Amino acid sequence: MNKQRIYRALFICVISINITFGQNNSETTLVSNKVDLFSDNGILPIKLSYSIKDIKKKTNDSTYIKMDLLYMQDGSTYKPINVELRVRGNNRLKNCYFPPIKLKIKKSTAKNTVFEGHKKLKLVMPCLLQKDKNDNVIKEYIAYKLYEIISPFYFKVRLVDIVLDETKGKNIKTHQLKGFLIEDIKHVAKRLDGNVYTRRVHPLQQDAMTSVRHAFFQYMIGNTDFSQAYQHNVKLIFIDKKIIPAPYDFDMSGFVNCSYAVVSQIQNQKLNIESVRQRMYRGFKREDHIFQQIRKEYLDKKNEILDTLDKYELIFDAPKEFSTAKDYILSFFNVMTNDKKFNSKILKIARKK
């Protein structure tokens, strides 16, 4: 084992206890029955066993299958918890080897476990059997963590190390995967003292500051695969008489840069960019002072954003994947600090309808 792999192994041991977010000792236990699933920033080891072929064939939006999920309870012992599991999503489900998963856990089953209080969870896994599969998951996870810095209206996420025993007839193929769990939207709304808003409403009728903050974020990560109006990869929450966007699913972004990512289409028309690595601002026109205030917010948080990125560097399998991702975020700040670029790439591009 070379020095780089030794350092990475040591780092993963440390990060499994705490990713250095300044938590106190009671919060840094890997898994504690008294700690909420998302209040611990350590990586949670889990084990699953199923046939990918069967789960694609036998489950859908309303049909689940029952199985045990094993999670590490005290840093050394796996504990089983009965869950219901189904496939979810559209694009990933069609194109991925590992289908994205939705978990459902009964209240009585979750009691006195790290999952207590969470009835439904999404599990994001790698898409394809490719060399960069785990790094892509880490980058998407980081995107969620960056939005936490930018807005208080976010989905909580938790990194997991997955041992997946894929049954293939009489054989079992074991996969070592990175993944992450995503908080359910109803849990998000309850945590924020709001309600899930399901009706369509034009972005210009949504809260102006939050909408621009959100649009800047999507531009920062190079994501055009969303719609606030049609709630595509965006959920709406009604809080204090305001309609607030909360984004999710960033795998099609230039920041993640998955091999299967394609430029988004709006009403069957491809956007005027050649690749997902090209940014295109998709936010709507607002008063200039709002743009300038949000611009200042991002610039003020630049160091925090970059520091957060750096915290995950050593869990990447390929150092180049990390450096490319960081360079991509730095290129966003080149636009933010340059008046000419800011005007041409954001202010003049902002949509009017």
Protein backbone atom coordinates (compact mmCIF):
# COMPACT_ATOMS: atom_id res chain seq x y z
CA MET A 1 0.00 0.00 0.00
CA ASN A 2 1.55 3.33 -1.07
CA LYS A 3 1.69 6.39 1.17
CA GLN A 4 -1.27 8.08 -0.50
CA ARG A 5 -3.53 5.10 0.18
CA ILE A 6 -2.30 4.86 3.76
CA TYR A 7 -3.09 8.54 4.34
CA ARG A 8 -6.50 8.08 2.75
CA ALA A 9 -7.26 5.06 4.93
CA LEU A 10 -6.26 6.98 8.05
CA PHE A 11 -8.39 9.94 7.00
CA ILE A 12 -11.43 7.76 6.39
CA CYS A 13 -11.04 6.34 9.89
CA VAL A 14 -11.05 9.87 11.28
CA ILE A 15 -13.89 11.13 9.09
CA SER A 16 -16.06 8.20 10.15
CA ILE A 17 -15.94 9.61 13.66
CA ASN A 18 -16.30 13.26 12.70
CA ILE A 19 -15.67 15.40 9.62
CA THR A 20 -14.31 18.19 11.77
CA PHE A 21 -17.36 20.37 11.93
CA GLY A 22 -16.61 21.53 15.46
CA GLN A 23 -19.12 19.22 17.13
CA ASN A 24 -18.87 18.30 20.79
CA ASN A 25 -18.16 14.76 21.94
CA SER A 26 -21.80 13.81 22.45
CA GLU A 27 -22.47 14.68 18.80
CA THR A 28 -19.52 12.87 17.25
CA THR A 29 -20.39 9.29 18.16
CA LEU A 30 -20.67 7.36 14.90
CA VAL A 31 -24.14 6.12 15.72
CA SER A 32 -25.97 6.85 18.94
CA ASN A 33 -29.55 6.04 19.77
CA LYS A 34 -29.87 9.58 21.09
CA VAL A 35 -28.48 11.24 17.98
CA ASP A 36 -30.65 12.03 14.96
CA LEU A 37 -29.54 10.49 11.69
CA PHE A 38 -28.54 13.84 10.21
CA SER A 39 -27.03 15.48 13.29
CA ASP A 40 -23.91 13.33 12.94
CA ASN A 41 -21.57 14.17 10.06
CA GLY A 42 -19.68 10.88 10.25
CA ILE A 43 -19.96 8.30 7.49
CA LEU A 44 -22.54 5.66 8.40
CA PRO A 45 -21.66 2.10 7.25
CA ILE A 46 -24.67 0.12 5.99
CA LYS A 47 -25.24 -3.24 4.32
CA LEU A 48 -27.94 -4.26 1.86
CA SER A 49 -28.64 -7.46 -0.05
CA TYR A 50 -30.98 -7.74 -3.04
CA SER A 51 -31.29 -8.58 -6.71
CA ILE A 52 -31.04 -5.43 -8.82
CA LYS A 53 -32.98 -7.19 -11.57
CA ASP A 54 -35.82 -8.10 -9.19
CA ILE A 55 -35.99 -4.72 -7.50
CA LYS A 56 -36.35 -3.00 -10.87
CA LYS A 57 -39.00 -5.48 -11.95
CA LYS A 58 -41.02 -5.85 -8.75
CA THR A 59 -41.11 -2.33 -7.26
CA ASN A 60 -42.49 1.01 -8.38
CA ASP A 61 -43.95 4.22 -6.89
CA SER A 62 -46.48 2.25 -4.86
CA THR A 63 -44.95 -1.22 -4.51
CA TYR A 64 -42.22 -1.90 -1.95
CA ILE A 65 -40.38 -5.03 -0.89
CA LYS A 66 -39.37 -5.78 2.70
CA MET A 67 -35.81 -6.49 3.76
CA ASP A 68 -33.29 -5.87 6.51
CA LEU A 69 -30.89 -2.97 6.30
CA LEU A 70 -27.83 -3.41 8.50
CA TYR A 71 -26.27 -0.28 9.99
CA MET A 72 -23.25 0.09 12.21
CA GLN A 73 -24.39 0.90 15.73
CA ASP A 74 -21.28 1.49 17.77
CA GLY A 75 -18.34 1.52 15.41
CA SER A 76 -17.97 -2.25 15.35
CA THR A 77 -21.37 -3.97 15.43
CA TYR A 78 -24.00 -4.05 12.69
CA LYS A 79 -27.64 -3.90 13.77
CA PRO A 80 -30.53 -4.93 11.49
CA ILE A 81 -33.57 -2.76 10.94
CA ASN A 82 -36.53 -3.85 8.84
CA VAL A 83 -37.26 -1.47 5.96
CA GLU A 84 -39.43 -1.34 2.88
CA LEU A 85 -37.59 -0.51 -0.29
CA ARG A 86 -38.46 0.51 -3.85
CA VAL A 87 -36.85 2.05 -6.91
CA ARG A 88 -37.42 5.74 -7.60
CA GLY A 89 -36.63 8.44 -10.14
CA ASN A 90 -36.83 8.47 -13.90
CA ASN A 91 -33.56 9.22 -15.65
CA ARG A 92 -31.30 7.36 -13.23
CA LEU A 93 -33.68 4.41 -13.11
CA LYS A 94 -33.57 4.06 -16.90
CA ASN A 95 -29.85 4.63 -17.35
CA CYS A 96 -28.15 3.35 -14.20
CA TYR A 97 -26.87 -0.07 -13.18
CA PHE A 98 -27.62 0.77 -9.54
CA PRO A 99 -31.17 2.12 -9.35
CA PRO A 100 -31.85 4.98 -6.90
CA ILE A 101 -33.73 3.78 -3.84
CA LYS A 102 -36.48 5.01 -1.55
CA LEU A 103 -36.71 3.60 1.97
CA LYS A 104 -39.76 3.45 4.20
CA ILE A 105 -39.43 2.65 7.91
CA LYS A 106 -42.26 2.08 10.35
CA LYS A 107 -42.35 4.41 13.34
CA SER A 108 -42.31 1.48 15.78
CA THR A 109 -39.35 -0.09 13.99
CA ALA A 110 -37.32 3.13 13.94
CA LYS A 111 -37.88 3.84 17.64
CA ASN A 112 -34.64 3.91 19.68
CA THR A 113 -32.51 3.73 16.54
CA VAL A 114 -30.60 6.37 14.62
CA PHE A 115 -33.52 6.39 12.15
CA GLU A 116 -36.07 7.48 14.74
CA GLY A 117 -38.26 10.29 13.42
CA HIS A 118 -37.64 9.42 9.78
CA LYS A 119 -40.40 7.50 8.02
CA LYS A 120 -39.10 7.96 4.48
CA LEU A 121 -35.59 8.46 3.12
CA LYS A 122 -33.96 8.56 -0.29
CA LEU A 123 -30.75 6.63 -0.83
CA VAL A 124 -28.46 7.98 -3.55
CA MET A 125 -26.01 5.46 -4.96
CA PRO A 126 -23.54 5.48 -7.85
CA CYS A 127 -25.10 5.13 -11.26
CA LEU A 128 -22.77 3.02 -13.34
CA LEU A 129 -20.01 0.47 -12.80
CA GLN A 130 -17.31 2.99 -13.63
CA LYS A 131 -14.02 3.96 -12.05
CA ASP A 132 -15.34 7.36 -10.92
CA LYS A 133 -18.65 6.04 -9.59
CA ASN A 134 -17.97 6.83 -5.92
CA ASP A 135 -16.35 10.20 -6.61
CA ASN A 136 -19.47 11.30 -8.49
CA VAL A 137 -21.59 10.47 -5.45
CA ILE A 138 -19.24 12.41 -3.17
CA LYS A 139 -19.44 15.45 -5.45
CA GLU A 140 -23.24 15.38 -5.45
CA TYR A 141 -23.23 15.03 -1.66
CA ILE A 142 -20.90 18.05 -1.43
CA ALA A 143 -23.35 20.07 -3.55
CA TYR A 144 -26.01 19.52 -0.87
CA LYS A 145 -23.53 20.58 1.83
CA LEU A 146 -22.67 23.75 -0.11
CA TYR A 147 -26.35 24.69 -0.31
CA GLU A 148 -26.50 24.40 3.48
CA ILE A 149 -23.99 27.26 3.60
CA ILE A 150 -25.99 29.34 1.15
CA SER A 151 -29.57 28.89 2.34
CA PRO A 152 -31.35 27.73 5.52
CA PHE A 153 -33.94 25.95 3.34
CA TYR A 154 -32.16 22.74 2.42
CA PHE A 155 -32.39 18.96 2.51
CA LYS A 156 -30.16 17.34 5.09
CA VAL A 157 -27.89 14.54 3.86
CA ARG A 158 -25.72 11.84 5.43
CA LEU A 159 -22.84 9.98 3.77
CA VAL A 160 -22.96 6.19 3.92
CA ASP A 161 -20.48 3.44 3.09
CA ILE A 162 -22.53 0.73 1.39
CA VAL A 163 -21.74 -2.95 1.18
CA LEU A 164 -24.23 -4.19 -1.40
CA ASP A 165 -24.52 -7.94 -1.89
CA GLU A 166 -26.14 -8.20 -5.30
CA THR A 167 -27.78 -11.58 -5.78
CA LYS A 168 -27.51 -12.88 -9.34
CA GLY A 169 -29.21 -16.25 -9.45
CA LYS A 170 -27.15 -18.55 -7.22
CA ASN A 171 -24.24 -16.13 -7.11
CA ILE A 172 -23.58 -13.03 -5.02
CA LYS A 173 -21.54 -10.08 -6.24
CA THR A 174 -20.38 -7.69 -3.53
CA HIS A 175 -20.07 -3.97 -4.28
CA GLN A 176 -18.30 -1.43 -2.06
CA LEU A 177 -20.06 1.86 -2.73
CA LYS A 178 -20.33 5.41 -1.48
CA GLY A 179 -23.84 6.79 -1.09
CA PHE A 180 -25.87 9.24 0.92
CA LEU A 181 -29.27 9.45 2.54
CA ILE A 182 -31.58 12.41 1.90
CA GLU A 183 -34.14 13.78 4.33
CA ASP A 184 -37.78 13.49 3.21
CA ILE A 185 -39.47 16.75 2.12
CA LYS A 186 -42.19 16.41 4.78
CA HIS A 187 -39.48 16.19 7.42
CA VAL A 188 -37.77 19.25 5.92
CA ALA A 189 -40.99 21.28 6.04
CA LYS A 190 -41.72 20.23 9.62
CA ARG A 191 -38.18 21.10 10.70
CA LEU A 192 -38.60 24.56 9.18
CA ASP A 193 -42.08 25.12 10.68
CA GLY A 194 -43.62 25.15 7.23
CA ASN A 195 -45.76 23.05 4.93
CA VAL A 196 -45.05 21.32 1.64
CA TYR A 197 -46.52 23.39 -1.21
CA THR A 198 -47.60 21.18 -4.11
CA ARG A 199 -49.37 23.55 -6.50
CA ARG A 200 -47.55 25.10 -9.43
CA VAL A 201 -46.60 28.71 -8.91
CA HIS A 202 -44.44 30.91 -11.12
CA PRO A 203 -40.96 31.62 -9.70
CA LEU A 204 -41.67 35.36 -9.78
CA GLN A 205 -44.42 34.71 -7.22
CA GLN A 206 -41.97 32.89 -4.97
CA ASP A 207 -39.80 34.60 -2.39
CA ALA A 208 -37.43 36.88 -4.31
CA MET A 209 -34.31 36.61 -2.13
CA THR A 210 -34.49 32.84 -1.77
CA SER A 211 -35.23 32.36 -5.47
CA VAL A 212 -32.19 34.39 -6.57
CA ARG A 213 -30.02 32.70 -3.96
CA HIS A 214 -31.19 29.35 -5.33
CA ALA A 215 -30.64 30.38 -8.98
CA PHE A 216 -27.09 31.52 -8.18
CA PHE A 217 -26.42 28.15 -6.57
CA GLN A 218 -27.65 26.24 -9.62
CA TYR A 219 -25.41 28.47 -11.76
CA MET A 220 -22.48 27.86 -9.40
CA ILE A 221 -22.71 24.08 -9.79
CA GLY A 222 -23.59 24.34 -13.48
CA ASN A 223 -27.03 22.76 -13.20
CA THR A 224 -29.87 23.46 -15.63
CA ASP A 225 -31.83 20.29 -14.82
CA PHE A 226 -34.45 21.97 -12.62
CA SER A 227 -37.63 24.03 -12.74
CA GLN A 228 -39.09 26.02 -9.87
CA ALA A 229 -42.34 26.50 -11.78
CA TYR A 230 -42.91 22.79 -12.47
CA GLN A 231 -41.16 21.56 -9.33
CA HIS A 232 -38.65 19.52 -11.29
CA ASN A 233 -35.84 18.69 -8.86
CA VAL A 234 -37.14 21.50 -6.65
CA LYS A 235 -39.67 21.24 -3.83
CA LEU A 236 -41.62 24.22 -2.55
CA ILE A 237 -42.24 24.97 1.12
CA PHE A 238 -44.76 27.51 2.46
CA ILE A 239 -43.17 29.36 5.38
CA ASP A 240 -44.35 32.63 6.98
CA LYS A 241 -46.61 33.35 3.98
CA LYS A 242 -43.67 32.91 1.60
CA ILE A 243 -43.12 30.20 -1.01
CA ILE A 244 -39.56 28.91 -0.71
CA PRO A 245 -37.65 26.64 -3.15
CA ALA A 246 -35.57 23.72 -1.84
CA PRO A 247 -33.47 22.01 -4.56
CA TYR A 248 -32.29 18.41 -4.87
CA ASP A 249 -30.80 15.97 -7.43
CA PHE A 250 -27.62 17.54 -8.80
CA ASP A 251 -26.16 14.62 -10.74
CA MET A 252 -26.72 16.38 -14.08
CA SER A 253 -24.63 19.38 -13.01
CA GLY A 254 -21.26 20.35 -14.43
CA PHE A 255 -19.84 20.20 -10.91
CA VAL A 256 -20.63 16.48 -10.62
CA ASN A 257 -19.97 15.89 -14.34
CA CYS A 258 -21.26 12.32 -14.60
CA SER A 259 -20.58 10.45 -17.83
CA TYR A 260 -24.33 10.10 -18.45
CA ALA A 261 -25.15 13.79 -17.86
CA VAL A 262 -26.76 15.56 -20.81
CA VAL A 263 -27.78 19.15 -21.49
CA SER A 264 -31.33 19.79 -20.32
CA GLN A 265 -34.26 20.27 -22.66
CA ILE A 266 -37.00 22.84 -22.11
CA GLN A 267 -40.24 21.98 -23.92
CA ASN A 268 -38.32 19.51 -26.12
CA GLN A 269 -35.76 22.17 -27.07
CA LYS A 270 -32.16 21.70 -26.01
CA LEU A 271 -30.62 24.63 -24.18
CA ASN A 272 -28.05 26.63 -26.10
CA ILE A 273 -25.00 25.07 -24.44
CA GLU A 274 -22.80 22.25 -25.68
CA SER A 275 -22.12 20.38 -22.42
CA VAL A 276 -23.16 20.35 -18.79
CA ARG A 277 -19.81 21.93 -17.92
CA GLN A 278 -21.00 25.13 -19.58
CA ARG A 279 -22.92 27.32 -17.18
CA MET A 280 -26.22 28.96 -18.10
CA TYR A 281 -28.10 31.18 -15.70
CA ARG A 282 -31.73 30.04 -15.47
CA GLY A 283 -33.04 32.47 -12.84
CA PHE A 284 -35.58 35.21 -13.44
CA LYS A 285 -35.12 38.96 -13.60
CA ARG A 286 -35.41 40.73 -10.24
CA GLU A 287 -34.54 44.16 -8.91
CA ASP A 288 -30.84 44.92 -9.32
CA HIS A 289 -30.28 45.43 -5.59
CA ILE A 290 -31.40 41.84 -4.93
CA PHE A 291 -28.84 40.48 -7.40
CA GLN A 292 -26.13 42.62 -5.85
CA GLN A 293 -27.03 41.58 -2.31
CA ILE A 294 -26.99 37.88 -3.19
CA ARG A 295 -23.75 38.39 -5.10
CA LYS A 296 -22.20 39.87 -1.94
CA GLU A 297 -23.50 36.95 0.13
CA TYR A 298 -21.73 34.47 -2.12
CA LEU A 299 -18.50 36.44 -2.10
CA ASP A 300 -18.64 36.71 1.70
CA LYS A 301 -19.08 32.93 1.90
CA LYS A 302 -16.39 32.06 -0.63
CA ASN A 303 -13.85 30.90 1.97
CA GLU A 304 -16.45 28.82 3.82
CA ILE A 305 -17.52 27.18 0.56
CA LEU A 306 -13.93 26.36 -0.40
CA ASP A 307 -13.09 25.16 3.12
CA THR A 308 -16.08 22.81 3.02
CA LEU A 309 -14.88 21.41 -0.29
CA ASP A 310 -11.40 20.86 1.13
CA LYS A 311 -12.76 18.81 4.04
CA TYR A 312 -13.73 16.04 1.65
CA GLU A 313 -10.58 15.97 -0.47
CA LEU A 314 -9.06 12.80 0.98
CA ILE A 315 -12.16 10.63 0.59
CA PHE A 316 -12.00 10.96 -3.21
CA ASP A 317 -10.64 7.89 -4.97
CA ALA A 318 -9.02 10.05 -7.67
CA PRO A 319 -7.30 13.30 -6.61
CA LYS A 320 -7.94 14.73 -10.08
CA GLU A 321 -11.71 14.43 -9.55
CA PHE A 322 -11.42 16.65 -6.49
CA SER A 323 -9.15 19.25 -8.09
CA THR A 324 -11.39 19.48 -11.17
CA ALA A 325 -14.45 19.98 -8.96
CA LYS A 326 -12.73 22.70 -6.93
CA ASP A 327 -11.52 24.49 -10.06
CA TYR A 328 -15.10 24.49 -11.30
CA ILE A 329 -16.30 26.30 -8.17
CA LEU A 330 -13.39 28.74 -8.40
CA SER A 331 -14.45 29.59 -11.96
CA PHE A 332 -17.85 30.61 -10.58
CA PHE A 333 -16.19 33.08 -8.24
CA ASN A 334 -14.28 34.50 -11.21
CA VAL A 335 -17.68 35.55 -12.55
CA MET A 336 -18.83 36.88 -9.18
CA THR A 337 -15.78 39.14 -8.75
CA ASN A 338 -15.74 40.49 -12.30
CA ASP A 339 -18.37 43.19 -13.02
CA LYS A 340 -18.25 42.67 -16.78
CA LYS A 341 -18.67 38.89 -16.53
CA PHE A 342 -21.37 39.23 -13.86
CA ASN A 343 -23.38 41.59 -16.06
CA SER A 344 -23.03 39.52 -19.25
CA LYS A 345 -23.43 36.02 -17.77
CA ILE A 346 -26.10 36.69 -15.15
CA LEU A 347 -27.82 40.09 -15.23
CA LYS A 348 -28.34 40.17 -19.00
CA ILE A 349 -29.25 36.48 -19.16
CA ALA A 350 -31.89 36.55 -16.40
CA ARG A 351 -35.21 35.35 -17.75
CA LYS A 352 -38.20 37.67 -18.11
CA LYS A 353 -40.81 34.94 -18.58
